[in-house]
Amino acid sequence: MSKFVATRNKGFAMTFDNGFTISVQWGTFNYCEKKNLGSDGDEEMKTKRWESRTAEIAVFNDTGIIPVGNHDDVIGWCSTDEVATVIAIVQSAHPDNQEEMVEEIKSLKI
């Protein structure tokens, strides 16, 4: 079932009919312009509007995270264009061919 999920003023997730979910996050604990591990982890909720030029993306299926990064499970410091490209790949992926989706994402060399 497709759906949108909001994440504490720092991101969102989208689940597609193919069963894959993409998470896009730009909080102080994410790999993005706003990364600040010294924060209290609630900075995003202290403002009405939280912005970042980059974001971290992760991809999931019903059993957990799918390692899509070349050096990590997630991909950090993504531009808006890069996020849009990965969203299109995840949305159009065939549920029985997860490996092809991962290869296509990794080939972007983000």
N, C-alpha and C. Protein backbone atom coordinates (compact mmCIF):
# COMPACT_ATOMS: atom_id res chain seq x y z
N MET A 1 0.84 -1.18 0.00
CA MET A 1 0.00 0.00 0.00
C MET A 1 0.88 1.24 0.00
N SER A 2 0.65 2.16 -0.90
CA SER A 2 1.45 3.37 -0.96
C SER A 2 1.02 4.33 0.14
N LYS A 3 2.01 5.13 0.63
CA LYS A 3 1.71 6.10 1.68
C LYS A 3 2.86 7.09 1.82
N PHE A 4 2.58 8.21 2.48
CA PHE A 4 3.57 9.20 2.88
C PHE A 4 3.67 9.18 4.40
N VAL A 5 4.88 9.44 4.92
CA VAL A 5 5.09 9.55 6.36
C VAL A 5 5.97 10.76 6.61
N ALA A 6 5.61 11.63 7.55
CA ALA A 6 6.43 12.77 7.94
C ALA A 6 7.28 12.39 9.14
N THR A 7 8.48 12.98 9.23
CA THR A 7 9.41 12.62 10.29
C THR A 7 9.88 13.86 11.05
N ARG A 8 9.23 14.21 12.12
CA ARG A 8 9.66 15.23 13.07
C ARG A 8 10.29 16.47 12.45
N ASN A 9 9.66 17.03 11.43
CA ASN A 9 10.09 18.27 10.80
C ASN A 9 11.48 18.17 10.15
N LYS A 10 11.95 16.94 9.86
CA LYS A 10 13.28 16.80 9.28
C LYS A 10 13.31 15.84 8.10
N GLY A 11 12.16 15.43 7.63
CA GLY A 11 12.17 14.54 6.49
C GLY A 11 10.85 13.85 6.26
N PHE A 12 10.91 12.88 5.35
CA PHE A 12 9.70 12.14 4.99
C PHE A 12 10.09 10.78 4.45
N ALA A 13 9.11 9.92 4.34
CA ALA A 13 9.28 8.62 3.69
C ALA A 13 8.10 8.40 2.77
N MET A 14 8.37 7.65 1.70
CA MET A 14 7.33 7.31 0.74
C MET A 14 7.39 5.81 0.51
N THR A 15 6.26 5.14 0.69
CA THR A 15 6.17 3.71 0.38
C THR A 15 5.36 3.55 -0.90
N PHE A 16 5.91 2.77 -1.81
CA PHE A 16 5.29 2.60 -3.12
C PHE A 16 4.55 1.27 -3.20
N ASP A 17 3.71 1.13 -4.20
CA ASP A 17 2.93 -0.10 -4.39
C ASP A 17 3.81 -1.32 -4.60
N ASN A 18 5.06 -1.13 -5.02
CA ASN A 18 5.96 -2.27 -5.23
C ASN A 18 6.55 -2.79 -3.90
N GLY A 19 6.22 -2.13 -2.78
CA GLY A 19 6.68 -2.57 -1.47
C GLY A 19 7.95 -1.90 -0.98
N PHE A 20 8.61 -1.10 -1.81
CA PHE A 20 9.81 -0.40 -1.41
C PHE A 20 9.47 0.96 -0.80
N THR A 21 10.28 1.37 0.17
CA THR A 21 10.12 2.66 0.83
C THR A 21 11.42 3.43 0.67
N ILE A 22 11.32 4.73 0.38
CA ILE A 22 12.49 5.59 0.41
C ILE A 22 12.30 6.60 1.54
N SER A 23 13.34 6.78 2.32
CA SER A 23 13.36 7.76 3.40
C SER A 23 14.30 8.88 3.00
N VAL A 24 13.86 10.13 3.15
CA VAL A 24 14.66 11.31 2.84
C VAL A 24 14.70 12.16 4.11
N GLN A 25 15.90 12.31 4.69
CA GLN A 25 16.03 12.98 5.99
C GLN A 25 17.12 14.05 5.95
N TRP A 26 16.89 15.16 6.67
CA TRP A 26 17.89 16.22 6.74
C TRP A 26 17.96 16.82 8.14
N GLY A 27 18.08 15.94 9.12
CA GLY A 27 18.17 16.37 10.51
C GLY A 27 19.61 16.42 11.02
N THR A 28 19.76 16.82 12.27
CA THR A 28 21.09 16.98 12.85
C THR A 28 21.83 15.66 13.02
N PHE A 29 21.12 14.54 13.00
CA PHE A 29 21.77 13.23 13.12
C PHE A 29 21.87 12.51 11.78
N ASN A 30 21.62 13.23 10.68
CA ASN A 30 21.67 12.64 9.34
C ASN A 30 22.89 13.16 8.58
N TYR A 31 23.30 12.40 7.56
CA TYR A 31 24.42 12.81 6.71
C TYR A 31 23.93 13.86 5.74
N CYS A 32 24.02 15.12 6.15
CA CYS A 32 23.54 16.25 5.36
C CYS A 32 24.17 17.54 5.86
N GLU A 33 23.82 18.62 5.22
CA GLU A 33 24.33 19.94 5.59
C GLU A 33 24.06 20.25 7.07
N LYS A 34 22.98 19.78 7.63
CA LYS A 34 22.58 20.10 9.00
C LYS A 34 23.20 19.19 10.06
N LYS A 35 24.03 18.24 9.65
CA LYS A 35 24.60 17.28 10.60
C LYS A 35 25.30 18.02 11.74
N ASN A 36 24.93 17.65 12.95
CA ASN A 36 25.51 18.25 14.15
C ASN A 36 25.27 17.29 15.30
N LEU A 37 26.15 16.33 15.46
CA LEU A 37 25.97 15.31 16.49
C LEU A 37 26.04 15.88 17.90
N GLY A 38 26.50 17.12 18.03
CA GLY A 38 26.55 17.76 19.33
C GLY A 38 25.24 18.40 19.74
N SER A 39 24.25 18.36 18.87
CA SER A 39 22.95 18.96 19.19
C SER A 39 22.15 18.04 20.11
N ASP A 40 21.05 18.55 20.58
CA ASP A 40 20.20 17.73 21.46
C ASP A 40 19.29 16.79 20.68
N GLY A 41 19.38 16.82 19.36
CA GLY A 41 18.57 15.94 18.53
C GLY A 41 17.15 16.40 18.34
N ASP A 42 16.85 17.59 18.82
CA ASP A 42 15.49 18.11 18.70
C ASP A 42 15.47 19.49 18.05
N GLU A 43 16.58 19.91 17.48
CA GLU A 43 16.67 21.23 16.85
C GLU A 43 15.60 21.42 15.78
N GLU A 44 15.32 20.36 15.04
CA GLU A 44 14.36 20.45 13.93
C GLU A 44 12.97 20.86 14.41
N MET A 45 12.62 20.46 15.61
CA MET A 45 11.27 20.73 16.13
C MET A 45 11.16 22.11 16.77
N LYS A 46 12.27 22.83 16.90
CA LYS A 46 12.26 24.14 17.55
C LYS A 46 11.96 25.27 16.57
N THR A 47 11.75 24.93 15.33
CA THR A 47 11.49 25.95 14.31
C THR A 47 10.32 25.50 13.45
N LYS A 48 9.64 26.49 12.91
CA LYS A 48 8.49 26.17 12.07
C LYS A 48 8.92 25.59 10.73
N ARG A 49 10.08 26.01 10.27
CA ARG A 49 10.56 25.59 8.94
C ARG A 49 12.02 25.18 9.05
N TRP A 50 12.33 23.95 8.73
CA TRP A 50 13.68 23.40 8.81
C TRP A 50 14.15 23.10 7.40
N GLU A 51 15.26 23.71 6.97
CA GLU A 51 15.73 23.57 5.60
C GLU A 51 17.16 23.04 5.55
N SER A 52 17.50 22.43 4.44
CA SER A 52 18.85 21.96 4.19
C SER A 52 19.07 21.87 2.69
N ARG A 53 20.29 22.11 2.25
CA ARG A 53 20.60 21.99 0.82
C ARG A 53 20.87 20.53 0.43
N THR A 54 21.12 19.67 1.42
CA THR A 54 21.39 18.26 1.14
C THR A 54 20.59 17.38 2.10
N ALA A 55 20.47 16.11 1.74
CA ALA A 55 19.70 15.17 2.56
C ALA A 55 20.34 13.79 2.49
N GLU A 56 19.93 12.95 3.41
CA GLU A 56 20.34 11.55 3.45
C GLU A 56 19.18 10.69 2.97
N ILE A 57 19.48 9.67 2.17
CA ILE A 57 18.42 8.77 1.72
C ILE A 57 18.72 7.34 2.14
N ALA A 58 17.65 6.62 2.41
CA ALA A 58 17.73 5.20 2.73
C ALA A 58 16.56 4.52 2.03
N VAL A 59 16.75 3.24 1.71
CA VAL A 59 15.71 2.47 1.04
C VAL A 59 15.43 1.23 1.88
N PHE A 60 14.15 0.89 2.00
CA PHE A 60 13.71 -0.23 2.82
C PHE A 60 12.77 -1.13 2.04
N ASN A 61 12.70 -2.38 2.46
CA ASN A 61 11.63 -3.27 2.05
C ASN A 61 10.96 -3.75 3.33
N ASP A 62 10.07 -4.73 3.26
CA ASP A 62 9.33 -5.15 4.45
C ASP A 62 10.19 -5.86 5.50
N THR A 63 11.44 -6.20 5.15
CA THR A 63 12.31 -6.86 6.13
C THR A 63 13.37 -5.93 6.70
N GLY A 64 13.48 -4.71 6.20
CA GLY A 64 14.45 -3.77 6.75
C GLY A 64 15.16 -2.95 5.70
N ILE A 65 16.28 -2.38 6.11
CA ILE A 65 17.03 -1.49 5.23
C ILE A 65 17.73 -2.28 4.13
N ILE A 66 17.78 -1.68 2.95
CA ILE A 66 18.48 -2.24 1.80
C ILE A 66 19.74 -1.41 1.61
N PRO A 67 20.92 -1.99 1.69
CA PRO A 67 22.16 -1.21 1.55
C PRO A 67 22.31 -0.66 0.13
N VAL A 68 22.13 0.65 -0.03
CA VAL A 68 22.19 1.27 -1.35
C VAL A 68 23.42 2.14 -1.55
N GLY A 69 24.11 2.47 -0.48
CA GLY A 69 25.30 3.31 -0.60
C GLY A 69 26.50 2.49 -1.03
N ASN A 70 27.47 3.16 -1.61
CA ASN A 70 28.69 2.48 -2.01
C ASN A 70 29.59 2.19 -0.81
N HIS A 71 29.41 2.93 0.29
CA HIS A 71 30.24 2.74 1.47
C HIS A 71 29.42 2.63 2.76
N ASP A 72 28.11 2.63 2.65
CA ASP A 72 27.23 2.62 3.82
C ASP A 72 25.86 2.12 3.37
N ASP A 73 24.99 1.84 4.33
CA ASP A 73 23.63 1.44 3.99
C ASP A 73 22.84 2.59 3.38
N VAL A 74 23.18 3.83 3.77
CA VAL A 74 22.48 5.02 3.31
C VAL A 74 23.40 5.82 2.38
N ILE A 75 22.82 6.83 1.73
CA ILE A 75 23.60 7.75 0.91
C ILE A 75 23.38 9.15 1.46
N GLY A 76 24.45 9.82 1.83
CA GLY A 76 24.35 11.15 2.41
C GLY A 76 24.71 12.26 1.46
N TRP A 77 24.41 13.47 1.89
CA TRP A 77 24.74 14.70 1.20
C TRP A 77 24.22 14.71 -0.24
N CYS A 78 22.98 14.26 -0.43
CA CYS A 78 22.35 14.22 -1.75
C CYS A 78 21.68 15.56 -2.06
N SER A 79 21.81 15.98 -3.31
CA SER A 79 21.11 17.18 -3.77
C SER A 79 19.64 16.83 -4.06
N THR A 80 18.84 17.85 -4.31
CA THR A 80 17.43 17.61 -4.63
C THR A 80 17.30 16.80 -5.93
N ASP A 81 18.14 17.08 -6.92
CA ASP A 81 18.09 16.33 -8.18
C ASP A 81 18.46 14.86 -7.96
N GLU A 82 19.47 14.61 -7.13
CA GLU A 82 19.87 13.24 -6.84
C GLU A 82 18.75 12.49 -6.11
N VAL A 83 18.12 13.15 -5.15
CA VAL A 83 17.01 12.52 -4.42
C VAL A 83 15.88 12.18 -5.40
N ALA A 84 15.54 13.11 -6.27
CA ALA A 84 14.46 12.87 -7.25
C ALA A 84 14.79 11.69 -8.15
N THR A 85 16.03 11.57 -8.57
CA THR A 85 16.44 10.45 -9.43
C THR A 85 16.28 9.13 -8.70
N VAL A 86 16.72 9.07 -7.44
CA VAL A 86 16.61 7.82 -6.68
C VAL A 86 15.14 7.50 -6.38
N ILE A 87 14.32 8.49 -6.10
CA ILE A 87 12.89 8.24 -5.89
C ILE A 87 12.31 7.55 -7.12
N ALA A 88 12.64 8.05 -8.31
CA ALA A 88 12.11 7.45 -9.55
C ALA A 88 12.59 6.00 -9.71
N ILE A 89 13.84 5.73 -9.36
CA ILE A 89 14.36 4.36 -9.46
C ILE A 89 13.63 3.44 -8.50
N VAL A 90 13.46 3.87 -7.26
CA VAL A 90 12.80 3.04 -6.25
C VAL A 90 11.34 2.81 -6.62
N GLN A 91 10.67 3.85 -7.07
CA GLN A 91 9.25 3.73 -7.42
C GLN A 91 9.04 2.77 -8.59
N SER A 92 9.95 2.75 -9.54
CA SER A 92 9.75 1.92 -10.73
C SER A 92 10.38 0.53 -10.62
N ALA A 93 11.03 0.23 -9.51
CA ALA A 93 11.70 -1.07 -9.35
C ALA A 93 10.68 -2.20 -9.27
N HIS A 94 11.06 -3.33 -9.83
CA HIS A 94 10.22 -4.52 -9.75
C HIS A 94 10.46 -5.17 -8.39
N PRO A 95 9.40 -5.53 -7.68
CA PRO A 95 9.58 -6.08 -6.33
C PRO A 95 10.40 -7.35 -6.27
N ASP A 96 10.47 -8.09 -7.36
CA ASP A 96 11.26 -9.33 -7.38
C ASP A 96 12.68 -9.13 -7.87
N ASN A 97 13.07 -7.89 -8.13
CA ASN A 97 14.41 -7.64 -8.64
C ASN A 97 15.09 -6.51 -7.88
N GLN A 98 15.19 -6.69 -6.58
CA GLN A 98 15.81 -5.71 -5.70
C GLN A 98 17.27 -5.44 -6.10
N GLU A 99 17.99 -6.48 -6.51
CA GLU A 99 19.41 -6.33 -6.86
C GLU A 99 19.60 -5.36 -8.02
N GLU A 100 18.70 -5.41 -9.00
CA GLU A 100 18.80 -4.50 -10.15
C GLU A 100 18.60 -3.05 -9.69
N MET A 101 17.66 -2.83 -8.78
CA MET A 101 17.42 -1.49 -8.25
C MET A 101 18.67 -0.98 -7.54
N VAL A 102 19.26 -1.82 -6.69
CA VAL A 102 20.45 -1.43 -5.94
C VAL A 102 21.59 -1.10 -6.90
N GLU A 103 21.80 -1.91 -7.91
CA GLU A 103 22.86 -1.66 -8.89
C GLU A 103 22.64 -0.33 -9.61
N GLU A 104 21.37 -0.05 -9.96
CA GLU A 104 21.07 1.21 -10.66
C GLU A 104 21.36 2.40 -9.76
N ILE A 105 21.00 2.31 -8.49
CA ILE A 105 21.26 3.41 -7.55
C ILE A 105 22.77 3.58 -7.36
N LYS A 106 23.48 2.48 -7.13
CA LYS A 106 24.94 2.57 -6.93
C LYS A 106 25.66 3.09 -8.17
N SER A 107 25.12 2.81 -9.34
CA SER A 107 25.77 3.29 -10.58
C SER A 107 25.73 4.82 -10.71
N LEU A 108 24.85 5.47 -9.95
CA LEU A 108 24.79 6.94 -9.97
C LEU A 108 26.02 7.57 -9.34
N LYS A 109 26.72 6.79 -8.51
CA LYS A 109 27.94 7.26 -7.81
C LYS A 109 27.70 8.54 -7.04
N ILE A 110 26.62 8.54 -6.28
CA ILE A 110 26.28 9.70 -5.44
C ILE A 110 27.14 9.66 -4.20
